[in-house]
Amino acid sequence: MDTDFSEEEIKEALIECKIPVIKLNRMVRMRDGIPTPLPMYYLETPNTPDGKRMYDIRYLLDMRVRIVTYKGRPGPVQCFQCQRFGHTQKACHNK
């Protein structure tokens, strides 16, 4: 999706298509500490037949879209401060 659309506009368009929306967030990439919006969104719907109909959507807001299942990062979380596994830099207590 184009980054010109707000999350609220996209959410309203999905509701018009009878797709129940639990959560909709724009994905961002951090570059030099500055968040840059990506043309991708994280969409969470209930695990119901109506929620699964989101995969049938081909056009939204006059744009061609592709909805795929989210695949998180592979492997365990690793801290960038101490290089240990199981926590992130924000939660690191090691010095």
PDB file of N, CA and C in Angstrom:
ATOM      1  N   MET A   1       0.838  -1.183   0.000  1.00  0.00           N
ATOM      2  CA  MET A   1       0.000   0.000   0.000  1.00  0.00           C
ATOM      3  C   MET A   1       0.880   1.241   0.000  1.00  0.00           C
ATOM      4  N   ASP A   2       0.372   2.263  -0.584  1.00  0.00           N
ATOM      5  CA  ASP A   2       1.065   3.542  -0.624  1.00  0.00           C
ATOM      6  C   ASP A   2       1.113   4.137   0.783  1.00  0.00           C
ATOM      7  N   THR A   3       2.189   4.810   1.103  1.00  0.00           N
ATOM      8  CA  THR A   3       2.323   5.400   2.434  1.00  0.00           C
ATOM      9  C   THR A   3       1.517   6.691   2.573  1.00  0.00           C
ATOM     10  N   ASP A   4       0.832   7.136   1.513  1.00  0.00           N
ATOM     11  CA  ASP A   4       0.007   8.337   1.593  1.00  0.00           C
ATOM     12  C   ASP A   4      -1.294   8.093   2.350  1.00  0.00           C
ATOM     13  N   PHE A   5      -1.723   6.839   2.451  1.00  0.00           N
ATOM     14  CA  PHE A   5      -2.961   6.522   3.147  1.00  0.00           C
ATOM     15  C   PHE A   5      -2.702   6.402   4.641  1.00  0.00           C
ATOM     16  N   SER A   6      -3.624   6.922   5.437  1.00  0.00           N
ATOM     17  CA  SER A   6      -3.485   6.786   6.888  1.00  0.00           C
ATOM     18  C   SER A   6      -3.997   5.410   7.312  1.00  0.00           C
ATOM     19  N   GLU A   7      -3.595   4.993   8.494  1.00  0.00           N
ATOM     20  CA  GLU A   7      -4.053   3.711   9.017  1.00  0.00           C
ATOM     21  C   GLU A   7      -5.569   3.714   9.170  1.00  0.00           C
ATOM     22  N   GLU A   8      -6.126   4.854   9.535  1.00  0.00           N
ATOM     23  CA  GLU A   8      -7.576   4.953   9.723  1.00  0.00           C
ATOM     24  C   GLU A   8      -8.312   4.770   8.399  1.00  0.00           C
ATOM     25  N   GLU A   9      -7.801   5.343   7.300  1.00  0.00           N
ATOM     26  CA  GLU A   9      -8.430   5.175   5.987  1.00  0.00           C
ATOM     27  C   GLU A   9      -8.421   3.711   5.562  1.00  0.00           C
ATOM     28  N   ILE A  10      -7.318   3.034   5.788  1.00  0.00           N
ATOM     29  CA  ILE A  10      -7.210   1.623   5.413  1.00  0.00           C
ATOM     30  C   ILE A  10      -8.138   0.782   6.271  1.00  0.00           C
ATOM     31  N   LYS A  11      -8.190   1.090   7.558  1.00  0.00           N
ATOM     32  CA  LYS A  11      -9.065   0.352   8.470  1.00  0.00           C
ATOM     33  C   LYS A  11     -10.527   0.504   8.051  1.00  0.00           C
ATOM     34  N   GLU A  12     -10.936   1.720   7.704  1.00  0.00           N
ATOM     35  CA  GLU A  12     -12.309   1.964   7.256  1.00  0.00           C
ATOM     36  C   GLU A  12     -12.608   1.209   5.969  1.00  0.00           C
ATOM     37  N   ALA A  13     -11.655   1.154   5.042  1.00  0.00           N
ATOM     38  CA  ALA A  13     -11.854   0.427   3.787  1.00  0.00           C
ATOM     39  C   ALA A  13     -12.003  -1.071   4.045  1.00  0.00           C
ATOM     40  N   LEU A  14     -11.244  -1.607   4.987  1.00  0.00           N
ATOM     41  CA  LEU A  14     -11.369  -3.024   5.333  1.00  0.00           C
ATOM     42  C   LEU A  14     -12.718  -3.313   5.974  1.00  0.00           C
ATOM     43  N   ILE A  15     -13.183  -2.421   6.833  1.00  0.00           N
ATOM     44  CA  ILE A  15     -14.485  -2.608   7.471  1.00  0.00           C
ATOM     45  C   ILE A  15     -15.594  -2.547   6.429  1.00  0.00           C
ATOM     46  N   GLU A  16     -15.461  -1.679   5.417  1.00  0.00           N
ATOM     47  CA  GLU A  16     -16.435  -1.628   4.326  1.00  0.00           C
ATOM     48  C   GLU A  16     -16.477  -2.939   3.556  1.00  0.00           C
ATOM     49  N   CYS A  17     -15.342  -3.646   3.500  1.00  0.00           N
ATOM     50  CA  CYS A  17     -15.272  -4.956   2.836  1.00  0.00           C
ATOM     51  C   CYS A  17     -15.709  -6.081   3.775  1.00  0.00           C
ATOM     52  N   LYS A  18     -16.270  -5.718   4.920  1.00  0.00           N
ATOM     53  CA  LYS A  18     -16.762  -6.688   5.914  1.00  0.00           C
ATOM     54  C   LYS A  18     -15.639  -7.518   6.531  1.00  0.00           C
ATOM     55  N   ILE A  19     -14.452  -6.921   6.678  1.00  0.00           N
ATOM     56  CA  ILE A  19     -13.316  -7.575   7.330  1.00  0.00           C
ATOM     57  C   ILE A  19     -13.199  -6.984   8.736  1.00  0.00           C
ATOM     58  N   PRO A  20     -13.401  -7.799   9.789  1.00  0.00           N
ATOM     59  CA  PRO A  20     -13.245  -7.267  11.147  1.00  0.00           C
ATOM     60  C   PRO A  20     -11.768  -7.039  11.463  1.00  0.00           C
ATOM     61  N   VAL A  21     -11.438  -5.868  11.958  1.00  0.00           N
ATOM     62  CA  VAL A  21     -10.045  -5.501  12.222  1.00  0.00           C
ATOM     63  C   VAL A  21      -9.820  -5.399  13.728  1.00  0.00           C
ATOM     64  N   ILE A  22      -8.851  -6.157  14.233  1.00  0.00           N
ATOM     65  CA  ILE A  22      -8.447  -6.039  15.634  1.00  0.00           C
ATOM     66  C   ILE A  22      -7.333  -5.005  15.748  1.00  0.00           C
ATOM     67  N   LYS A  23      -6.338  -5.109  14.872  1.00  0.00           N
ATOM     68  CA  LYS A  23      -5.181  -4.210  14.937  1.00  0.00           C
ATOM     69  C   LYS A  23      -4.658  -3.969  13.523  1.00  0.00           C
ATOM     70  N   LEU A  24      -4.264  -2.738  13.247  1.00  0.00           N
ATOM     71  CA  LEU A  24      -3.645  -2.376  11.974  1.00  0.00           C
ATOM     72  C   LEU A  24      -2.521  -1.397  12.272  1.00  0.00           C
ATOM     73  N   ASN A  25      -1.298  -1.773  11.947  1.00  0.00           N
ATOM     74  CA  ASN A  25      -0.128  -0.924  12.195  1.00  0.00           C
ATOM     75  C   ASN A  25       0.743  -0.856  10.950  1.00  0.00           C
ATOM     76  N   ARG A  26       1.244   0.347  10.668  1.00  0.00           N
ATOM     77  CA  ARG A  26       2.199   0.515   9.576  1.00  0.00           C
ATOM     78  C   ARG A  26       3.555   0.002  10.044  1.00  0.00           C
ATOM     79  N   MET A  27       4.230  -0.741   9.196  1.00  0.00           N
ATOM     80  CA  MET A  27       5.556  -1.244   9.541  1.00  0.00           C
ATOM     81  C   MET A  27       6.584  -0.167   9.208  1.00  0.00           C
ATOM     82  N   VAL A  28       7.617  -0.061  10.039  1.00  0.00           N
ATOM     83  CA  VAL A  28       8.661   0.944   9.839  1.00  0.00           C
ATOM     84  C   VAL A  28      10.027   0.286   9.881  1.00  0.00           C
ATOM     85  N   ARG A  29      10.969   0.944   9.247  1.00  0.00           N
ATOM     86  CA  ARG A  29      12.374   0.519   9.275  1.00  0.00           C
ATOM     87  C   ARG A  29      13.155   1.646   9.928  1.00  0.00           C
ATOM     88  N   MET A  30      14.032   1.276  10.829  1.00  0.00           N
ATOM     89  CA  MET A  30      14.858   2.276  11.507  1.00  0.00           C
ATOM     90  C   MET A  30      16.152   2.467  10.724  1.00  0.00           C
ATOM     91  N   ARG A  31      16.405   3.696  10.310  1.00  0.00           N
ATOM     92  CA  ARG A  31      17.644   4.063   9.624  1.00  0.00           C
ATOM     93  C   ARG A  31      18.289   5.200  10.401  1.00  0.00           C
ATOM     94  N   ASP A  32      19.455   4.938  10.978  1.00  0.00           N
ATOM     95  CA  ASP A  32      20.174   5.945  11.771  1.00  0.00           C
ATOM     96  C   ASP A  32      19.292   6.525  12.876  1.00  0.00           C
ATOM     97  N   GLY A  33      18.471   5.678  13.474  1.00  0.00           N
ATOM     98  CA  GLY A  33      17.601   6.110  14.560  1.00  0.00           C
ATOM     99  C   GLY A  33      16.352   6.844  14.121  1.00  0.00           C
ATOM    100  N   ILE A  34      16.140   6.946  12.811  1.00  0.00           N
ATOM    101  CA  ILE A  34      14.967   7.645  12.283  1.00  0.00           C
ATOM    102  C   ILE A  34      14.016   6.607  11.692  1.00  0.00           C
ATOM    103  N   PRO A  35      12.757   6.553  12.173  1.00  0.00           N
ATOM    104  CA  PRO A  35      11.811   5.587  11.614  1.00  0.00           C
ATOM    105  C   PRO A  35      11.352   6.014  10.220  1.00  0.00           C
ATOM    106  N   THR A  36      11.448   5.092   9.265  1.00  0.00           N
ATOM    107  CA  THR A  36      11.004   5.330   7.899  1.00  0.00           C
ATOM    108  C   THR A  36       9.818   4.419   7.622  1.00  0.00           C
ATOM    109  N   PRO A  37       8.640   4.984   7.271  1.00  0.00           N
ATOM    110  CA  PRO A  37       7.476   4.133   7.025  1.00  0.00           C
ATOM    111  C   PRO A  37       7.669   3.278   5.780  1.00  0.00           C
ATOM    112  N   LEU A  38       7.243   2.037   5.872  1.00  0.00           N
ATOM    113  CA  LEU A  38       7.304   1.105   4.751  1.00  0.00           C
ATOM    114  C   LEU A  38       5.920   0.981   4.129  1.00  0.00           C
ATOM    115  N   PRO A  39       5.829   0.543   2.880  1.00  0.00           N
ATOM    116  CA  PRO A  39       4.516   0.366   2.251  1.00  0.00           C
ATOM    117  C   PRO A  39       3.877  -0.963   2.652  1.00  0.00           C
ATOM    118  N   MET A  40       4.091  -1.389   3.913  1.00  0.00           N
ATOM    119  CA  MET A  40       3.528  -2.637   4.428  1.00  0.00           C
ATOM    120  C   MET A  40       2.833  -2.355   5.751  1.00  0.00           C
ATOM    121  N   TYR A  41       1.811  -3.151   6.029  1.00  0.00           N
ATOM    122  CA  TYR A  41       1.048  -2.998   7.254  1.00  0.00           C
ATOM    123  C   TYR A  41       0.906  -4.346   7.934  1.00  0.00           C
ATOM    124  N   TYR A  42       0.823  -4.314   9.259  1.00  0.00           N
ATOM    125  CA  TYR A  42       0.528  -5.513  10.038  1.00  0.00           C
ATOM    126  C   TYR A  42      -0.960  -5.463  10.345  1.00  0.00           C
ATOM    127  N   LEU A  43      -1.698  -6.480   9.898  1.00  0.00           N
ATOM    128  CA  LEU A  43      -3.145  -6.541  10.078  1.00  0.00           C
ATOM    129  C   LEU A  43      -3.480  -7.755  10.922  1.00  0.00           C
ATOM    130  N   GLU A  44      -4.211  -7.528  12.003  1.00  0.00           N
ATOM    131  CA  GLU A  44      -4.654  -8.630  12.857  1.00  0.00           C
ATOM    132  C   GLU A  44      -6.169  -8.684  12.805  1.00  0.00           C
ATOM    133  N   THR A  45      -6.707  -9.878  12.484  1.00  0.00           N
ATOM    134  CA  THR A  45      -8.145 -10.095  12.427  1.00  0.00           C
ATOM    135  C   THR A  45      -8.504 -11.276  13.320  1.00  0.00           C
ATOM    136  N   PRO A  46      -9.783 -11.398  13.702  1.00  0.00           N
ATOM    137  CA  PRO A  46     -10.168 -12.560  14.501  1.00  0.00           C
ATOM    138  C   PRO A  46     -10.043 -13.845  13.686  1.00  0.00           C
ATOM    139  N   ASN A  47      -9.864 -14.949  14.379  1.00  0.00           N
ATOM    140  CA  ASN A  47      -9.732 -16.249  13.716  1.00  0.00           C
ATOM    141  C   ASN A  47     -11.125 -16.804  13.429  1.00  0.00           C
ATOM    142  N   THR A  48     -11.834 -16.126  12.546  1.00  0.00           N
ATOM    143  CA  THR A  48     -13.190 -16.502  12.152  1.00  0.00           C
ATOM    144  C   THR A  48     -13.243 -16.535  10.630  1.00  0.00           C
ATOM    145  N   PRO A  49     -14.309 -17.107  10.060  1.00  0.00           N
ATOM    146  CA  PRO A  49     -14.420 -17.083   8.589  1.00  0.00           C
ATOM    147  C   PRO A  49     -14.386 -15.666   8.016  1.00  0.00           C
ATOM    148  N   ASP A  50     -15.009 -14.700   8.710  1.00  0.00           N
ATOM    149  CA  ASP A  50     -14.961 -13.308   8.229  1.00  0.00           C
ATOM    150  C   ASP A  50     -13.538 -12.767   8.255  1.00  0.00           C
ATOM    151  N   GLY A  51     -12.787 -13.096   9.300  1.00  0.00           N
ATOM    152  CA  GLY A  51     -11.401 -12.641   9.392  1.00  0.00           C
ATOM    153  C   GLY A  51     -10.522 -13.260   8.327  1.00  0.00           C
ATOM    154  N   LYS A  52     -10.772 -14.516   7.987  1.00  0.00           N
ATOM    155  CA  LYS A  52      -9.962 -15.198   6.977  1.00  0.00           C
ATOM    156  C   LYS A  52     -10.267 -14.716   5.558  1.00  0.00           C
ATOM    157  N   ARG A  53     -11.390 -14.013   5.380  1.00  0.00           N
ATOM    158  CA  ARG A  53     -11.719 -13.480   4.053  1.00  0.00           C
ATOM    159  C   ARG A  53     -10.756 -12.381   3.620  1.00  0.00           C
ATOM    160  N   MET A  54      -9.912 -11.895   4.530  1.00  0.00           N
ATOM    161  CA  MET A  54      -8.948 -10.852   4.153  1.00  0.00           C
ATOM    162  C   MET A  54      -8.000 -11.353   3.067  1.00  0.00           C
ATOM    163  N   TYR A  55      -7.757 -12.671   3.031  1.00  0.00           N
ATOM    164  CA  TYR A  55      -6.849 -13.220   2.018  1.00  0.00           C
ATOM    165  C   TYR A  55      -7.456 -13.181   0.616  1.00  0.00           C
ATOM    166  N   ASP A  56      -8.767 -12.965   0.522  1.00  0.00           N
ATOM    167  CA  ASP A  56      -9.436 -12.900  -0.778  1.00  0.00           C
ATOM    168  C   ASP A  56      -9.381 -11.502  -1.389  1.00  0.00           C
ATOM    169  N   ILE A  57      -8.977 -10.513  -0.627  1.00  0.00           N
ATOM    170  CA  ILE A  57      -8.949  -9.130  -1.124  1.00  0.00           C
ATOM    171  C   ILE A  57      -7.811  -8.967  -2.128  1.00  0.00           C
ATOM    172  N   ARG A  58      -8.129  -8.409  -3.278  1.00  0.00           N
ATOM    173  CA  ARG A  58      -7.126  -8.141  -4.315  1.00  0.00           C
ATOM    174  C   ARG A  58      -6.921  -6.641  -4.527  1.00  0.00           C
ATOM    175  N   TYR A  59      -7.976  -5.849  -4.282  1.00  0.00           N
ATOM    176  CA  TYR A  59      -7.898  -4.397  -4.453  1.00  0.00           C
ATOM    177  C   TYR A  59      -8.464  -3.721  -3.214  1.00  0.00           C
ATOM    178  N   LEU A  60      -7.779  -2.685  -2.760  1.00  0.00           N
ATOM    179  CA  LEU A  60      -8.228  -1.905  -1.614  1.00  0.00           C
ATOM    180  C   LEU A  60      -7.866  -0.452  -1.885  1.00  0.00           C
ATOM    181  N   LEU A  61      -8.841   0.433  -1.765  1.00  0.00           N
ATOM    182  CA  LEU A  61      -8.637   1.861  -2.046  1.00  0.00           C
ATOM    183  C   LEU A  61      -8.063   2.066  -3.446  1.00  0.00           C
ATOM    184  N   ASP A  62      -8.610   1.349  -4.403  1.00  0.00           N
ATOM    185  CA  ASP A  62      -8.217   1.431  -5.819  1.00  0.00           C
ATOM    186  C   ASP A  62      -6.759   1.082  -6.064  1.00  0.00           C
ATOM    187  N   MET A  63      -6.182   0.284  -5.190  1.00  0.00           N
ATOM    188  CA  MET A  63      -4.804  -0.182  -5.363  1.00  0.00           C
ATOM    189  C   MET A  63      -4.783  -1.695  -5.272  1.00  0.00           C
ATOM    190  N   ARG A  64      -3.926  -2.309  -6.070  1.00  0.00           N
ATOM    191  CA  ARG A  64      -3.759  -3.758  -5.987  1.00  0.00           C
ATOM    192  C   ARG A  64      -2.949  -4.065  -4.732  1.00  0.00           C
ATOM    193  N   VAL A  65      -3.448  -5.011  -3.919  1.00  0.00           N
ATOM    194  CA  VAL A  65      -2.777  -5.377  -2.674  1.00  0.00           C
ATOM    195  C   VAL A  65      -2.591  -6.886  -2.617  1.00  0.00           C
ATOM    196  N   ARG A  66      -1.643  -7.297  -1.809  1.00  0.00           N
ATOM    197  CA  ARG A  66      -1.407  -8.720  -1.565  1.00  0.00           C
ATOM    198  C   ARG A  66      -1.323  -8.904  -0.060  1.00  0.00           C
ATOM    199  N   ILE A  67      -2.171  -9.767   0.469  1.00  0.00           N
ATOM    200  CA  ILE A  67      -2.187 -10.034   1.903  1.00  0.00           C
ATOM    201  C   ILE A  67      -1.606 -11.416   2.128  1.00  0.00           C
ATOM    202  N   VAL A  68      -0.567 -11.482   2.949  1.00  0.00           N
ATOM    203  CA  VAL A  68       0.111 -12.748   3.239  1.00  0.00           C
ATOM    204  C   VAL A  68       0.207 -12.923   4.748  1.00  0.00           C
ATOM    205  N   THR A  69       0.397 -14.162   5.177  1.00  0.00           N
ATOM    206  CA  THR A  69       0.564 -14.462   6.589  1.00  0.00           C
ATOM    207  C   THR A  69       1.898 -13.911   7.071  1.00  0.00           C
ATOM    208  N   TYR A  70       1.886 -13.276   8.243  1.00  0.00           N
ATOM    209  CA  TYR A  70       3.099 -12.684   8.806  1.00  0.00           C
ATOM    210  C   TYR A  70       4.052 -13.777   9.262  1.00  0.00           C
ATOM    211  N   LYS A  71       5.287 -13.650   8.854  1.00  0.00           N
ATOM    212  CA  LYS A  71       6.338 -14.565   9.289  1.00  0.00           C
ATOM    213  C   LYS A  71       7.336 -13.735  10.080  1.00  0.00           C
ATOM    214  N   GLY A  72       7.394 -13.963  11.378  1.00  0.00           N
ATOM    215  CA  GLY A  72       8.304 -13.207  12.236  1.00  0.00           C
ATOM    216  C   GLY A  72       9.752 -13.547  11.935  1.00  0.00           C
ATOM    217  N   ARG A  73      10.631 -12.926  12.666  1.00  0.00           N
ATOM    218  CA  ARG A  73      12.055 -13.185  12.481  1.00  0.00           C
ATOM    219  C   ARG A  73      12.375 -14.615  12.892  1.00  0.00           C
ATOM    220  N   PRO A  74      13.203 -15.290  12.131  1.00  0.00           N
ATOM    221  CA  PRO A  74      13.567 -16.660  12.505  1.00  0.00           C
ATOM    222  C   PRO A  74      14.565 -16.675  13.656  1.00  0.00           C
ATOM    223  N   GLY A  75      14.490 -17.700  14.467  1.00  0.00           N
ATOM    224  CA  GLY A  75      15.465 -17.872  15.541  1.00  0.00           C
ATOM    225  C   GLY A  75      15.118 -17.087  16.787  1.00  0.00           C
ATOM    226  N   PRO A  76      15.914 -17.258  17.824  1.00  0.00           N
ATOM    227  CA  PRO A  76      15.655 -16.573  19.089  1.00  0.00           C
ATOM    228  C   PRO A  76      16.075 -15.104  19.038  1.00  0.00           C
ATOM    229  N   VAL A  77      15.582 -14.332  19.993  1.00  0.00           N
ATOM    230  CA  VAL A  77      15.929 -12.921  20.120  1.00  0.00           C
ATOM    231  C   VAL A  77      17.354 -12.820  20.656  1.00  0.00           C
ATOM    232  N   GLN A  78      18.131 -11.865  20.101  1.00  0.00           N
ATOM    233  CA  GLN A  78      19.502 -11.683  20.562  1.00  0.00           C
ATOM    234  C   GLN A  78      19.739 -10.218  20.908  1.00  0.00           C
ATOM    235  N   CYS A  79      20.406 -10.000  22.037  1.00  0.00           N
ATOM    236  CA  CYS A  79      20.735  -8.655  22.504  1.00  0.00           C
ATOM    237  C   CYS A  79      21.909  -8.111  21.690  1.00  0.00           C
ATOM    238  N   PHE A  80      21.811  -6.849  21.241  1.00  0.00           N
ATOM    239  CA  PHE A  80      22.895  -6.234  20.483  1.00  0.00           C
ATOM    240  C   PHE A  80      23.937  -5.598  21.401  1.00  0.00           C
ATOM    241  N   GLN A  81      23.663  -5.554  22.704  1.00  0.00           N
ATOM    242  CA  GLN A  81      24.622  -4.971  23.644  1.00  0.00           C
ATOM    243  C   GLN A  81      25.582  -6.029  24.179  1.00  0.00           C
ATOM    244  N   CYS A  82      25.036  -7.158  24.682  1.00  0.00           N
ATOM    245  CA  CYS A  82      25.902  -8.181  25.283  1.00  0.00           C
ATOM    246  C   CYS A  82      26.020  -9.434  24.407  1.00  0.00           C
ATOM    247  N   GLN A  83      25.255  -9.487  23.311  1.00  0.00           N
ATOM    248  CA  GLN A  83      25.264 -10.591  22.351  1.00  0.00           C
ATOM    249  C   GLN A  83      24.686 -11.893  22.913  1.00  0.00           C
ATOM    250  N   ARG A  84      24.038 -11.851  24.068  1.00  0.00           N
ATOM    251  CA  ARG A  84      23.402 -13.042  24.621  1.00  0.00           C
ATOM    252  C   ARG A  84      22.006 -13.192  24.029  1.00  0.00           C
ATOM    253  N   PHE A  85      21.475 -14.398  24.143  1.00  0.00           N
ATOM    254  CA  PHE A  85      20.157 -14.700  23.599  1.00  0.00           C
ATOM    255  C   PHE A  85      19.086 -14.604  24.682  1.00  0.00           C
ATOM    256  N   GLY A  86      17.851 -14.379  24.264  1.00  0.00           N
ATOM    257  CA  GLY A  86      16.715 -14.410  25.173  1.00  0.00           C
ATOM    258  C   GLY A  86      16.204 -13.055  25.619  1.00  0.00           C
ATOM    259  N   HIS A  87      16.901 -11.972  25.277  1.00  0.00           N
ATOM    260  CA  HIS A  87      16.429 -10.633  25.602  1.00  0.00           C
ATOM    261  C   HIS A  87      16.966  -9.654  24.561  1.00  0.00           C
ATOM    262  N   THR A  88      16.437  -8.433  24.594  1.00  0.00           N
ATOM    263  CA  THR A  88      16.874  -7.403  23.654  1.00  0.00           C
ATOM    264  C   THR A  88      17.696  -6.345  24.382  1.00  0.00           C
ATOM    265  N   GLN A  89      18.248  -5.421  23.614  1.00  0.00           N
ATOM    266  CA  GLN A  89      19.098  -4.369  24.171  1.00  0.00           C
ATOM    267  C   GLN A  89      18.327  -3.508  25.174  1.00  0.00           C
ATOM    268  N   LYS A  90      17.031  -3.275  24.914  1.00  0.00           N
ATOM    269  CA  LYS A  90      16.230  -2.457  25.823  1.00  0.00           C
ATOM    270  C   LYS A  90      16.102  -3.093  27.202  1.00  0.00           C
ATOM    271  N   ALA A  91      16.067  -4.422  27.248  1.00  0.00           N
ATOM    272  CA  ALA A  91      15.878  -5.131  28.519  1.00  0.00           C
ATOM    273  C   ALA A  91      17.190  -5.690  29.068  1.00  0.00           C
ATOM    274  N   CYS A  92      18.332  -5.256  28.542  1.00  0.00           N
ATOM    275  CA  CYS A  92      19.624  -5.815  28.943  1.00  0.00           C
ATOM    276  C   CYS A  92      20.072  -5.243  30.287  1.00  0.00           C
ATOM    277  N   HIS A  93      20.478  -6.145  31.190  1.00  0.00           N
ATOM    278  CA  HIS A  93      20.996  -5.734  32.497  1.00  0.00           C
ATOM    279  C   HIS A  93      22.487  -6.034  32.611  1.00  0.00           C
ATOM    280  N   ASN A  94      23.096  -6.539  31.555  1.00  0.00           N
ATOM    281  CA  ASN A  94      24.528  -6.861  31.563  1.00  0.00           C
ATOM    282  C   ASN A  94      25.333  -5.639  31.135  1.00  0.00           C
ATOM    283  N   LYS A  95      26.528  -5.505  31.654  1.00  0.00           N
ATOM    284  CA  LYS A  95      27.370  -4.366  31.270  1.00  0.00           C
ATOM    285  C   LYS A  95      28.621  -4.828  30.607  1.00  0.00           C
TER     286      LYS A  95
END
